[in-house]
Amino acid sequence: MTTVTNWQKSSYSEATGNCVEIRTHGGMIDVRESDNPSEIIRTTRTKFEALILGVKAGEFDHAI
């Protein structure tokens, strides 16, 4: 049986819905933009963890 969790967005997201949401789905991580929910990117937990660690370390600060 495949386990699917509800979509979750960051508490830092705008109230207007401009945000990125995530959920777990069958051991993978799904990512989507709230304003375009039909397009979903699916990745592994390992790759998503590497992204989160890079964000926390400031590796992507140049993009904002």
N, C-alpha and C. Protein backbone atom coordinates (compact mmCIF):
# COMPACT_ATOMS: atom_id res chain seq x y z
N MET A 1 0.83 -1.18 0.00
CA MET A 1 0.00 0.00 0.00
C MET A 1 0.88 1.25 0.00
N THR A 2 0.55 2.21 -0.83
CA THR A 2 1.30 3.45 -0.93
C THR A 2 0.76 4.47 0.04
N THR A 3 1.65 5.03 0.86
CA THR A 3 1.26 6.05 1.81
C THR A 3 1.45 7.42 1.19
N VAL A 4 0.41 8.25 1.25
CA VAL A 4 0.46 9.61 0.73
C VAL A 4 0.06 10.56 1.86
N THR A 5 0.89 11.57 2.11
CA THR A 5 0.55 12.55 3.13
C THR A 5 -0.06 13.79 2.48
N ASN A 6 -0.64 14.65 3.30
CA ASN A 6 -1.22 15.90 2.81
C ASN A 6 -0.11 16.85 2.38
N TRP A 7 -0.44 17.74 1.45
CA TRP A 7 0.50 18.77 1.02
C TRP A 7 0.78 19.70 2.19
N GLN A 8 2.03 20.12 2.32
CA GLN A 8 2.44 21.00 3.40
C GLN A 8 3.24 22.15 2.83
N LYS A 9 2.98 23.37 3.33
CA LYS A 9 3.77 24.52 2.90
C LYS A 9 4.45 25.13 4.10
N SER A 10 5.46 25.90 3.84
CA SER A 10 6.22 26.55 4.90
C SER A 10 5.40 27.64 5.58
N SER A 11 5.65 27.82 6.85
CA SER A 11 5.00 28.93 7.57
C SER A 11 5.54 30.27 7.09
N TYR A 12 6.61 30.27 6.33
CA TYR A 12 7.17 31.50 5.76
C TYR A 12 6.50 31.87 4.44
N SER A 13 5.62 31.04 3.92
CA SER A 13 4.95 31.30 2.65
C SER A 13 3.98 32.46 2.78
N GLU A 14 3.72 33.10 1.62
CA GLU A 14 2.78 34.21 1.59
C GLU A 14 1.35 33.71 1.82
N ALA A 15 0.54 34.53 2.43
CA ALA A 15 -0.86 34.17 2.68
C ALA A 15 -1.65 34.06 1.38
N THR A 16 -1.15 34.68 0.30
CA THR A 16 -1.86 34.66 -0.98
C THR A 16 -1.69 33.34 -1.72
N GLY A 17 -0.88 32.43 -1.19
CA GLY A 17 -0.74 31.12 -1.80
C GLY A 17 0.45 30.96 -2.71
N ASN A 18 1.30 31.97 -2.81
CA ASN A 18 2.52 31.85 -3.61
C ASN A 18 3.56 31.08 -2.82
N CYS A 19 3.53 29.76 -2.97
CA CYS A 19 4.44 28.95 -2.17
C CYS A 19 4.76 27.63 -2.87
N VAL A 20 5.75 26.97 -2.32
CA VAL A 20 6.11 25.62 -2.75
C VAL A 20 5.61 24.68 -1.66
N GLU A 21 4.99 23.59 -2.08
CA GLU A 21 4.43 22.62 -1.14
C GLU A 21 5.12 21.28 -1.32
N ILE A 22 5.18 20.50 -0.25
CA ILE A 22 5.76 19.16 -0.33
C ILE A 22 4.83 18.15 0.33
N ARG A 23 5.01 16.88 -0.05
CA ARG A 23 4.34 15.76 0.62
C ARG A 23 5.18 14.52 0.38
N THR A 24 4.96 13.50 1.20
CA THR A 24 5.58 12.21 0.93
C THR A 24 4.59 11.35 0.17
N HIS A 25 5.13 10.52 -0.70
CA HIS A 25 4.28 9.67 -1.53
C HIS A 25 5.06 8.40 -1.86
N GLY A 26 4.70 7.33 -1.20
CA GLY A 26 5.35 6.05 -1.49
C GLY A 26 6.85 6.05 -1.27
N GLY A 27 7.31 6.71 -0.22
CA GLY A 27 8.74 6.75 0.07
C GLY A 27 9.51 7.81 -0.69
N MET A 28 8.82 8.56 -1.53
CA MET A 28 9.45 9.63 -2.30
C MET A 28 8.93 10.97 -1.77
N ILE A 29 9.52 12.07 -2.26
CA ILE A 29 9.07 13.41 -1.91
C ILE A 29 8.51 14.06 -3.17
N ASP A 30 7.29 14.58 -3.07
CA ASP A 30 6.66 15.34 -4.16
C ASP A 30 6.78 16.82 -3.83
N VAL A 31 7.06 17.62 -4.85
CA VAL A 31 7.18 19.08 -4.71
C VAL A 31 6.32 19.72 -5.79
N ARG A 32 5.57 20.76 -5.43
CA ARG A 32 4.77 21.48 -6.41
C ARG A 32 4.65 22.94 -5.99
N GLU A 33 4.29 23.78 -6.94
CA GLU A 33 3.99 25.17 -6.66
C GLU A 33 2.48 25.28 -6.45
N SER A 34 2.06 26.03 -5.44
CA SER A 34 0.64 26.10 -5.11
C SER A 34 -0.19 26.71 -6.22
N ASP A 35 0.41 27.60 -7.03
CA ASP A 35 -0.35 28.22 -8.11
C ASP A 35 -0.37 27.38 -9.39
N ASN A 36 0.33 26.25 -9.40
CA ASN A 36 0.33 25.34 -10.54
C ASN A 36 0.39 23.91 -10.00
N PRO A 37 -0.65 23.47 -9.30
CA PRO A 37 -0.59 22.20 -8.58
C PRO A 37 -0.58 20.95 -9.45
N SER A 38 -0.85 21.08 -10.72
CA SER A 38 -0.87 19.88 -11.57
C SER A 38 0.53 19.42 -11.98
N GLU A 39 1.52 20.27 -11.83
CA GLU A 39 2.90 19.89 -12.16
C GLU A 39 3.64 19.53 -10.89
N ILE A 40 4.03 18.28 -10.79
CA ILE A 40 4.66 17.76 -9.58
C ILE A 40 6.04 17.20 -9.93
N ILE A 41 7.01 17.56 -9.12
CA ILE A 41 8.36 17.00 -9.23
C ILE A 41 8.49 15.95 -8.14
N ARG A 42 8.93 14.76 -8.49
CA ARG A 42 9.12 13.69 -7.51
C ARG A 42 10.61 13.40 -7.41
N THR A 43 11.10 13.32 -6.17
CA THR A 43 12.51 13.06 -5.94
C THR A 43 12.67 12.12 -4.75
N THR A 44 13.87 11.66 -4.54
CA THR A 44 14.14 10.76 -3.41
C THR A 44 14.34 11.57 -2.14
N ARG A 45 14.16 10.89 -1.02
CA ARG A 45 14.41 11.55 0.27
C ARG A 45 15.87 11.99 0.38
N THR A 46 16.78 11.19 -0.13
CA THR A 46 18.21 11.52 -0.06
C THR A 46 18.52 12.80 -0.83
N LYS A 47 17.98 12.94 -2.03
CA LYS A 47 18.22 14.15 -2.82
C LYS A 47 17.55 15.36 -2.19
N PHE A 48 16.34 15.17 -1.66
CA PHE A 48 15.63 16.29 -1.03
C PHE A 48 16.37 16.73 0.23
N GLU A 49 16.88 15.78 0.99
CA GLU A 49 17.65 16.11 2.19
C GLU A 49 18.90 16.91 1.82
N ALA A 50 19.58 16.52 0.74
CA ALA A 50 20.77 17.26 0.30
C ALA A 50 20.40 18.69 -0.08
N LEU A 51 19.26 18.88 -0.72
CA LEU A 51 18.80 20.22 -1.08
C LEU A 51 18.53 21.05 0.18
N ILE A 52 17.80 20.48 1.13
CA ILE A 52 17.47 21.19 2.37
C ILE A 52 18.74 21.57 3.13
N LEU A 53 19.69 20.65 3.22
CA LEU A 53 20.95 20.96 3.91
C LEU A 53 21.70 22.08 3.20
N GLY A 54 21.69 22.08 1.88
CA GLY A 54 22.33 23.15 1.12
C GLY A 54 21.64 24.49 1.34
N VAL A 55 20.31 24.48 1.39
CA VAL A 55 19.56 25.72 1.65
C VAL A 55 19.89 26.25 3.04
N LYS A 56 19.88 25.37 4.03
CA LYS A 56 20.20 25.77 5.40
C LYS A 56 21.62 26.31 5.52
N ALA A 57 22.53 25.79 4.72
CA ALA A 57 23.93 26.22 4.77
C ALA A 57 24.17 27.51 3.98
N GLY A 58 23.13 28.02 3.30
CA GLY A 58 23.26 29.27 2.56
C GLY A 58 23.82 29.11 1.15
N GLU A 59 23.90 27.88 0.65
CA GLU A 59 24.47 27.64 -0.67
C GLU A 59 23.65 28.23 -1.82
N PHE A 60 22.39 28.55 -1.57
CA PHE A 60 21.52 29.06 -2.62
C PHE A 60 21.08 30.50 -2.36
N ASP A 61 21.72 31.15 -1.42
CA ASP A 61 21.35 32.54 -1.08
C ASP A 61 21.46 33.48 -2.27
N HIS A 62 22.33 33.18 -3.21
CA HIS A 62 22.49 34.03 -4.39
C HIS A 62 21.24 34.05 -5.28
N ALA A 63 20.36 33.06 -5.10
CA ALA A 63 19.17 32.96 -5.94
C ALA A 63 18.01 33.82 -5.44
N ILE A 64 18.14 34.39 -4.25
CA ILE A 64 17.05 35.22 -3.71
C ILE A 64 17.50 36.64 -3.47
